[in-house]
Amino acid sequence: MIAYNPRRWRDHFFDIRGSMVREIAYRVGGCVLFAIAAELMYLEGLPVAFSDKAHLLVGPALALLLVFRTNSANDRYWEGRRLWGGVVNSARNLRRKARVLFVAEPVRAALVVEWTIAFFWSMRFRLLGRASLGPTCALPEVAQAKALLANSVPLAAADAITALLDDGRKSGLVSDIQQSLLDADVQALVDHLGGCERIDQTPLPYAYAVHLRRALFL
């Protein structure tokens, strides 16, 4: 995410990075070349003019398609932002509860915190199509290697947290109710992961995408 001041729009007016200039440059360039060719042909007296009725008829339909596409993109963005914010809040709550309830065994509390951080990073990298526990992971190398071999690294991190909580209950550090309170935050983390994966793995409907591309081309 690129940080910027939304009240000073002129600061990034000419920025290329983060904008859509690179994505649309060759399309806009093609339209410019086509317009130049049409103008040169017109100056030479060649019959290149045609009726504007087609543009007038297609315009409203194309506008509706583009509005739908924009609204869909905005909905996906805000849903993803809410899910990521939920991950942050659940991780903070899990850290807070673990350090208080496992005060008699700070090593266990530290492991819960480290696995929570690892879940956060591994979720980010999974959405990018990579497997990693983050650049600052302080977990034992054996545990890291085992987690990275799993089909889903974030779920492996969640399993490790659940195992630590269950072992703490068996050791008498927390009660059944306290374990349930801690596990609720782990469940929230997994639910947020599933929500992000749903956005990442669900593109726009195929028929709509094809129709939009054909309409834009025409």
C-alpha atoms as a PDB file:
ATOM      1  CA  MET A   1       0.000   0.000   0.000  1.00  0.00           C
ATOM      2  CA  ILE A   2       1.318   3.428  -0.970  1.00  0.00           C
ATOM      3  CA  ALA A   3       1.000   6.068   1.751  1.00  0.00           C
ATOM      4  CA  TYR A   4      -0.216   9.463   0.609  1.00  0.00           C
ATOM      5  CA  ASN A   5      -2.046  12.536   1.879  1.00  0.00           C
ATOM      6  CA  PRO A   6      -5.583  12.509   0.396  1.00  0.00           C
ATOM      7  CA  ARG A   7      -5.931  16.251   1.007  1.00  0.00           C
ATOM      8  CA  ARG A   8      -2.991  17.151  -1.254  1.00  0.00           C
ATOM      9  CA  TRP A   9      -3.864  15.672  -4.616  1.00  0.00           C
ATOM     10  CA  ARG A  10      -1.182  17.574  -6.524  1.00  0.00           C
ATOM     11  CA  ASP A  11       1.666  15.844  -4.654  1.00  0.00           C
ATOM     12  CA  HIS A  12       1.256  12.614  -6.652  1.00  0.00           C
ATOM     13  CA  PHE A  13      -0.287  13.991  -9.820  1.00  0.00           C
ATOM     14  CA  PHE A  14       2.565  12.808 -12.054  1.00  0.00           C
ATOM     15  CA  ASP A  15       3.405   9.559 -10.226  1.00  0.00           C
ATOM     16  CA  ILE A  16       3.640   6.422 -12.369  1.00  0.00           C
ATOM     17  CA  ARG A  17       4.068   3.874  -9.596  1.00  0.00           C
ATOM     18  CA  GLY A  18       0.731   2.782  -8.189  1.00  0.00           C
ATOM     19  CA  SER A  19      -1.279   4.301 -11.032  1.00  0.00           C
ATOM     20  CA  MET A  20      -2.872   2.630 -14.055  1.00  0.00           C
ATOM     21  CA  VAL A  21      -0.633   4.392 -16.572  1.00  0.00           C
ATOM     22  CA  ARG A  22       1.495   1.332 -17.304  1.00  0.00           C
ATOM     23  CA  GLU A  23      -1.586  -0.867 -17.702  1.00  0.00           C
ATOM     24  CA  ILE A  24      -3.374   1.362 -20.222  1.00  0.00           C
ATOM     25  CA  ALA A  25      -0.439   3.099 -21.944  1.00  0.00           C
ATOM     26  CA  TYR A  26      -0.298   0.766 -24.964  1.00  0.00           C
ATOM     27  CA  ARG A  27      -4.099   0.850 -25.370  1.00  0.00           C
ATOM     28  CA  VAL A  28      -4.193   4.632 -25.266  1.00  0.00           C
ATOM     29  CA  GLY A  29      -1.198   4.724 -27.609  1.00  0.00           C
ATOM     30  CA  GLY A  30      -3.032   2.469 -30.063  1.00  0.00           C
ATOM     31  CA  CYS A  31      -6.055   4.786 -30.013  1.00  0.00           C
ATOM     32  CA  VAL A  32      -3.802   7.805 -30.597  1.00  0.00           C
ATOM     33  CA  LEU A  33      -2.123   6.155 -33.589  1.00  0.00           C
ATOM     34  CA  PHE A  34      -5.494   5.143 -34.995  1.00  0.00           C
ATOM     35  CA  ALA A  35      -6.776   8.725 -34.626  1.00  0.00           C
ATOM     36  CA  ILE A  36      -3.653  10.117 -36.318  1.00  0.00           C
ATOM     37  CA  ALA A  37      -4.063   7.680 -39.204  1.00  0.00           C
ATOM     38  CA  ALA A  38      -7.726   8.618 -39.590  1.00  0.00           C
ATOM     39  CA  GLU A  39      -6.869  12.327 -39.571  1.00  0.00           C
ATOM     40  CA  LEU A  40      -4.151  11.886 -42.211  1.00  0.00           C
ATOM     41  CA  MET A  41      -6.534   9.910 -44.398  1.00  0.00           C
ATOM     42  CA  TYR A  42      -9.161  12.621 -43.999  1.00  0.00           C
ATOM     43  CA  LEU A  43      -6.687  15.341 -44.965  1.00  0.00           C
ATOM     44  CA  GLU A  44      -5.831  13.350 -48.084  1.00  0.00           C
ATOM     45  CA  GLY A  45      -9.488  13.342 -49.052  1.00  0.00           C
ATOM     46  CA  LEU A  46     -10.143   9.672 -48.389  1.00  0.00           C
ATOM     47  CA  PRO A  47     -13.660   8.703 -47.168  1.00  0.00           C
ATOM     48  CA  VAL A  48     -13.040   7.799 -43.527  1.00  0.00           C
ATOM     49  CA  ALA A  49     -16.061   9.464 -41.895  1.00  0.00           C
ATOM     50  CA  PHE A  50     -18.951   7.364 -40.561  1.00  0.00           C
ATOM     51  CA  SER A  51     -22.146   7.941 -38.622  1.00  0.00           C
ATOM     52  CA  ASP A  52     -22.013   8.593 -34.869  1.00  0.00           C
ATOM     53  CA  LYS A  53     -25.250   6.666 -34.227  1.00  0.00           C
ATOM     54  CA  ALA A  54     -23.379   3.504 -33.242  1.00  0.00           C
ATOM     55  CA  HIS A  55     -21.466   5.336 -30.496  1.00  0.00           C
ATOM     56  CA  LEU A  56     -24.666   6.935 -29.223  1.00  0.00           C
ATOM     57  CA  LEU A  57     -26.368   3.546 -28.964  1.00  0.00           C
ATOM     58  CA  VAL A  58     -23.471   1.668 -27.385  1.00  0.00           C
ATOM     59  CA  GLY A  59     -22.574   4.453 -24.945  1.00  0.00           C
ATOM     60  CA  PRO A  60     -25.304   3.844 -22.303  1.00  0.00           C
ATOM     61  CA  ALA A  61     -24.789   0.065 -22.282  1.00  0.00           C
ATOM     62  CA  LEU A  62     -21.036   0.467 -21.983  1.00  0.00           C
ATOM     63  CA  ALA A  63     -21.470   2.979 -19.159  1.00  0.00           C
ATOM     64  CA  LEU A  64     -23.611   0.479 -17.218  1.00  0.00           C
ATOM     65  CA  LEU A  65     -20.982  -2.233 -17.688  1.00  0.00           C
ATOM     66  CA  LEU A  66     -18.181   0.009 -16.474  1.00  0.00           C
ATOM     67  CA  VAL A  67     -20.203   1.141 -13.454  1.00  0.00           C
ATOM     68  CA  PHE A  68     -20.846  -2.473 -12.503  1.00  0.00           C
ATOM     69  CA  ARG A  69     -17.153  -3.263 -12.842  1.00  0.00           C
ATOM     70  CA  THR A  70     -16.167  -0.265 -10.712  1.00  0.00           C
ATOM     71  CA  ASN A  71     -18.691  -1.114  -7.992  1.00  0.00           C
ATOM     72  CA  SER A  72     -17.543  -4.744  -7.929  1.00  0.00           C
ATOM     73  CA  ALA A  73     -13.907  -3.711  -7.587  1.00  0.00           C
ATOM     74  CA  ASN A  74     -14.758  -1.275  -4.793  1.00  0.00           C
ATOM     75  CA  ASP A  75     -16.790  -3.903  -2.907  1.00  0.00           C
ATOM     76  CA  ARG A  76     -13.963  -6.424  -3.133  1.00  0.00           C
ATOM     77  CA  TYR A  77     -11.456  -3.848  -1.924  1.00  0.00           C
ATOM     78  CA  TRP A  78     -13.475  -2.819   1.119  1.00  0.00           C
ATOM     79  CA  GLU A  79     -14.330  -6.391   2.050  1.00  0.00           C
ATOM     80  CA  GLY A  80     -10.634  -7.274   1.910  1.00  0.00           C
ATOM     81  CA  ARG A  81      -9.781  -4.241   4.027  1.00  0.00           C
ATOM     82  CA  ARG A  82     -12.353  -5.222   6.666  1.00  0.00           C
ATOM     83  CA  LEU A  83     -11.053  -8.789   6.752  1.00  0.00           C
ATOM     84  CA  TRP A  84      -7.447  -7.646   7.134  1.00  0.00           C
ATOM     85  CA  GLY A  85      -8.488  -5.291   9.924  1.00  0.00           C
ATOM     86  CA  GLY A  86     -10.219  -8.230  11.599  1.00  0.00           C
ATOM     87  CA  VAL A  87      -6.977 -10.216  11.442  1.00  0.00           C
ATOM     88  CA  VAL A  88      -5.140  -7.381  13.191  1.00  0.00           C
ATOM     89  CA  ASN A  89      -7.776  -7.096  15.929  1.00  0.00           C
ATOM     90  CA  SER A  90      -7.961 -10.853  16.538  1.00  0.00           C
ATOM     91  CA  ALA A  91      -4.155 -11.084  16.713  1.00  0.00           C
ATOM     92  CA  ARG A  92      -4.044  -8.263  19.271  1.00  0.00           C
ATOM     93  CA  ASN A  93      -6.736  -9.901  21.396  1.00  0.00           C
ATOM     94  CA  LEU A  94      -4.984 -13.267  21.274  1.00  0.00           C
ATOM     95  CA  ARG A  95      -1.686 -11.692  22.302  1.00  0.00           C
ATOM     96  CA  ARG A  96      -3.338  -9.799  25.173  1.00  0.00           C
ATOM     97  CA  LYS A  97      -5.128 -12.839  26.558  1.00  0.00           C
ATOM     98  CA  ALA A  98      -2.150 -15.174  26.192  1.00  0.00           C
ATOM     99  CA  ARG A  99       0.241 -12.891  28.082  1.00  0.00           C
ATOM    100  CA  VAL A 100      -2.244 -12.488  30.945  1.00  0.00           C
ATOM    101  CA  LEU A 101      -3.533 -16.048  31.228  1.00  0.00           C
ATOM    102  CA  PHE A 102      -0.112 -17.669  30.716  1.00  0.00           C
ATOM    103  CA  VAL A 103       1.690 -15.316  33.072  1.00  0.00           C
ATOM    104  CA  ALA A 104       2.942 -18.319  35.066  1.00  0.00           C
ATOM    105  CA  GLU A 105       4.580 -19.735  31.918  1.00  0.00           C
ATOM    106  CA  PRO A 106       5.933 -16.807  29.844  1.00  0.00           C
ATOM    107  CA  VAL A 107       7.644 -19.139  27.357  1.00  0.00           C
ATOM    108  CA  ARG A 108       4.283 -20.538  26.269  1.00  0.00           C
ATOM    109  CA  ALA A 109       2.842 -17.035  26.000  1.00  0.00           C
ATOM    110  CA  ALA A 110       5.808 -15.970  23.865  1.00  0.00           C
ATOM    111  CA  LEU A 111       5.299 -18.963  21.564  1.00  0.00           C
ATOM    112  CA  VAL A 112       1.620 -18.093  21.116  1.00  0.00           C
ATOM    113  CA  VAL A 113       2.608 -14.546  20.197  1.00  0.00           C
ATOM    114  CA  GLU A 114       5.290 -15.721  17.736  1.00  0.00           C
ATOM    115  CA  TRP A 115       2.923 -18.166  16.041  1.00  0.00           C
ATOM    116  CA  THR A 116       0.327 -15.398  15.795  1.00  0.00           C
ATOM    117  CA  ILE A 117       2.874 -13.175  14.050  1.00  0.00           C
ATOM    118  CA  ALA A 118       3.806 -16.106  11.822  1.00  0.00           C
ATOM    119  CA  PHE A 119       0.127 -16.585  10.941  1.00  0.00           C
ATOM    120  CA  PHE A 120      -0.134 -12.932   9.963  1.00  0.00           C
ATOM    121  CA  TRP A 121       2.896 -13.081   7.663  1.00  0.00           C
ATOM    122  CA  SER A 122       2.094 -16.520   6.219  1.00  0.00           C
ATOM    123  CA  MET A 123      -1.431 -15.368   5.378  1.00  0.00           C
ATOM    124  CA  ARG A 124      -0.040 -12.381   3.500  1.00  0.00           C
ATOM    125  CA  PHE A 125       2.411 -14.520   1.534  1.00  0.00           C
ATOM    126  CA  ARG A 126      -0.222 -17.191   0.811  1.00  0.00           C
ATOM    127  CA  LEU A 127      -2.412 -14.567  -0.850  1.00  0.00           C
ATOM    128  CA  LEU A 128       0.645 -13.661  -2.948  1.00  0.00           C
ATOM    129  CA  GLY A 129       1.151 -17.311  -3.920  1.00  0.00           C
ATOM    130  CA  ARG A 130       4.210 -17.899  -1.734  1.00  0.00           C
ATOM    131  CA  ALA A 131       5.050 -19.873   1.408  1.00  0.00           C
ATOM    132  CA  SER A 132       6.832 -17.961   4.162  1.00  0.00           C
ATOM    133  CA  LEU A 133       6.590 -17.226   7.883  1.00  0.00           C
ATOM    134  CA  GLY A 134       7.937 -13.705   7.553  1.00  0.00           C
ATOM    135  CA  PRO A 135      11.374 -12.100   7.545  1.00  0.00           C
ATOM    136  CA  THR A 136      11.629 -11.811  11.356  1.00  0.00           C
ATOM    137  CA  CYS A 137      10.265 -15.189  12.456  1.00  0.00           C
ATOM    138  CA  ALA A 138      11.781 -16.176  15.833  1.00  0.00           C
ATOM    139  CA  LEU A 139      10.312 -19.673  16.026  1.00  0.00           C
ATOM    140  CA  PRO A 140      12.555 -22.749  16.265  1.00  0.00           C
ATOM    141  CA  GLU A 141      13.938 -23.812  12.898  1.00  0.00           C
ATOM    142  CA  VAL A 142      12.422 -27.293  13.195  1.00  0.00           C
ATOM    143  CA  ALA A 143       8.960 -25.838  13.762  1.00  0.00           C
ATOM    144  CA  GLN A 144       9.409 -23.431  10.859  1.00  0.00           C
ATOM    145  CA  ALA A 145      10.484 -26.196   8.498  1.00  0.00           C
ATOM    146  CA  LYS A 146       7.514 -28.356   9.484  1.00  0.00           C
ATOM    147  CA  ALA A 147       5.058 -25.493   8.979  1.00  0.00           C
ATOM    148  CA  LEU A 148       6.487 -24.594   5.569  1.00  0.00           C
ATOM    149  CA  LEU A 149       5.928 -28.164   4.364  1.00  0.00           C
ATOM    150  CA  ALA A 150       2.191 -27.957   5.055  1.00  0.00           C
ATOM    151  CA  ASN A 151      -0.335 -27.421   2.275  1.00  0.00           C
ATOM    152  CA  SER A 152      -1.466 -24.236   4.018  1.00  0.00           C
ATOM    153  CA  VAL A 153       1.174 -22.475   6.111  1.00  0.00           C
ATOM    154  CA  PRO A 154      -1.345 -20.195   7.892  1.00  0.00           C
ATOM    155  CA  LEU A 155      -3.425 -23.205   8.945  1.00  0.00           C
ATOM    156  CA  ALA A 156      -0.262 -24.900  10.223  1.00  0.00           C
ATOM    157  CA  ALA A 157       0.408 -21.806  12.341  1.00  0.00           C
ATOM    158  CA  ALA A 158      -3.186 -21.893  13.625  1.00  0.00           C
ATOM    159  CA  ASP A 159      -2.803 -25.591  14.480  1.00  0.00           C
ATOM    160  CA  ALA A 160       0.338 -24.798  16.457  1.00  0.00           C
ATOM    161  CA  ILE A 161      -1.480 -22.099  18.441  1.00  0.00           C
ATOM    162  CA  THR A 162      -4.389 -24.437  19.170  1.00  0.00           C
ATOM    163  CA  ALA A 163      -1.970 -27.139  20.355  1.00  0.00           C
ATOM    164  CA  LEU A 164      -0.281 -24.670  22.732  1.00  0.00           C
ATOM    165  CA  LEU A 165      -3.658 -23.634  24.143  1.00  0.00           C
ATOM    166  CA  ASP A 166      -4.815 -27.214  24.587  1.00  0.00           C
ATOM    167  CA  ASP A 167      -1.570 -28.191  26.292  1.00  0.00           C
ATOM    168  CA  GLY A 168      -1.951 -25.195  28.604  1.00  0.00           C
ATOM    169  CA  ARG A 169      -5.405 -26.418  29.594  1.00  0.00           C
ATOM    170  CA  LYS A 170      -4.100 -29.928  30.258  1.00  0.00           C
ATOM    171  CA  SER A 171      -1.308 -28.444  32.386  1.00  0.00           C
ATOM    172  CA  GLY A 172      -3.814 -26.524  34.505  1.00  0.00           C
ATOM    173  CA  LEU A 173      -2.688 -23.063  33.393  1.00  0.00           C
ATOM    174  CA  VAL A 174      -6.109 -22.165  32.011  1.00  0.00           C
ATOM    175  CA  SER A 175      -9.622 -23.491  32.466  1.00  0.00           C
ATOM    176  CA  ASP A 176     -11.906 -24.867  29.792  1.00  0.00           C
ATOM    177  CA  ILE A 177     -13.701 -21.524  29.514  1.00  0.00           C
ATOM    178  CA  GLN A 178     -10.437 -19.584  29.242  1.00  0.00           C
ATOM    179  CA  GLN A 179      -9.228 -21.954  26.541  1.00  0.00           C
ATOM    180  CA  SER A 180     -12.478 -21.384  24.654  1.00  0.00           C
ATOM    181  CA  LEU A 181     -11.971 -17.614  24.865  1.00  0.00           C
ATOM    182  CA  LEU A 182      -8.462 -17.951  23.471  1.00  0.00           C
ATOM    183  CA  ASP A 183      -9.527 -20.386  20.774  1.00  0.00           C
ATOM    184  CA  ALA A 184     -12.275 -17.988  19.642  1.00  0.00           C
ATOM    185  CA  ASP A 185      -9.572 -15.580  18.472  1.00  0.00           C
ATOM    186  CA  VAL A 186      -7.798 -18.395  16.610  1.00  0.00           C
ATOM    187  CA  GLN A 187     -11.071 -19.323  14.939  1.00  0.00           C
ATOM    188  CA  ALA A 188     -11.566 -15.665  13.946  1.00  0.00           C
ATOM    189  CA  LEU A 189      -8.114 -15.650  12.341  1.00  0.00           C
ATOM    190  CA  VAL A 190      -8.970 -18.737  10.288  1.00  0.00           C
ATOM    191  CA  ASP A 191     -12.334 -17.248   9.286  1.00  0.00           C
ATOM    192  CA  HIS A 192     -10.625 -14.065   8.071  1.00  0.00           C
ATOM    193  CA  LEU A 193      -8.147 -16.185   6.116  1.00  0.00           C
ATOM    194  CA  GLY A 194     -11.020 -17.967   4.396  1.00  0.00           C
ATOM    195  CA  GLY A 195     -12.639 -14.635   3.534  1.00  0.00           C
ATOM    196  CA  CYS A 196      -9.462 -13.313   1.934  1.00  0.00           C
ATOM    197  CA  GLU A 197      -8.980 -16.536  -0.012  1.00  0.00           C
ATOM    198  CA  ARG A 198     -12.563 -16.273  -1.248  1.00  0.00           C
ATOM    199  CA  ILE A 199     -11.855 -12.827  -2.707  1.00  0.00           C
ATOM    200  CA  ASP A 200      -8.534 -13.943  -4.187  1.00  0.00           C
ATOM    201  CA  GLN A 201      -9.917 -17.092  -5.801  1.00  0.00           C
ATOM    202  CA  THR A 202     -13.244 -15.730  -7.064  1.00  0.00           C
ATOM    203  CA  PRO A 203     -12.864 -13.628 -10.219  1.00  0.00           C
ATOM    204  CA  LEU A 204     -15.684 -11.736 -11.895  1.00  0.00           C
ATOM    205  CA  PRO A 205     -18.194 -13.970 -13.736  1.00  0.00           C
ATOM    206  CA  TYR A 206     -16.727 -15.275 -16.980  1.00  0.00           C
ATOM    207  CA  ALA A 207     -19.702 -14.309 -19.124  1.00  0.00           C
ATOM    208  CA  TYR A 208     -19.590 -10.749 -17.815  1.00  0.00           C
ATOM    209  CA  ALA A 209     -15.832 -10.437 -18.343  1.00  0.00           C
ATOM    210  CA  VAL A 210     -16.127 -11.674 -21.948  1.00  0.00           C
ATOM    211  CA  HIS A 211     -19.073  -9.370 -22.661  1.00  0.00           C
ATOM    212  CA  LEU A 212     -17.237  -6.359 -21.236  1.00  0.00           C
ATOM    213  CA  ARG A 213     -14.121  -7.029 -23.306  1.00  0.00           C
ATOM    214  CA  ARG A 214     -16.127  -7.447 -26.496  1.00  0.00           C
ATOM    215  CA  ALA A 215     -18.090  -4.265 -25.823  1.00  0.00           C
ATOM    216  CA  LEU A 216     -14.915  -2.291 -25.147  1.00  0.00           C
ATOM    217  CA  PHE A 217     -13.300  -3.642 -28.280  1.00  0.00           C
ATOM    218  CA  LEU A 218     -16.268  -2.820 -30.464  1.00  0.00           C
END
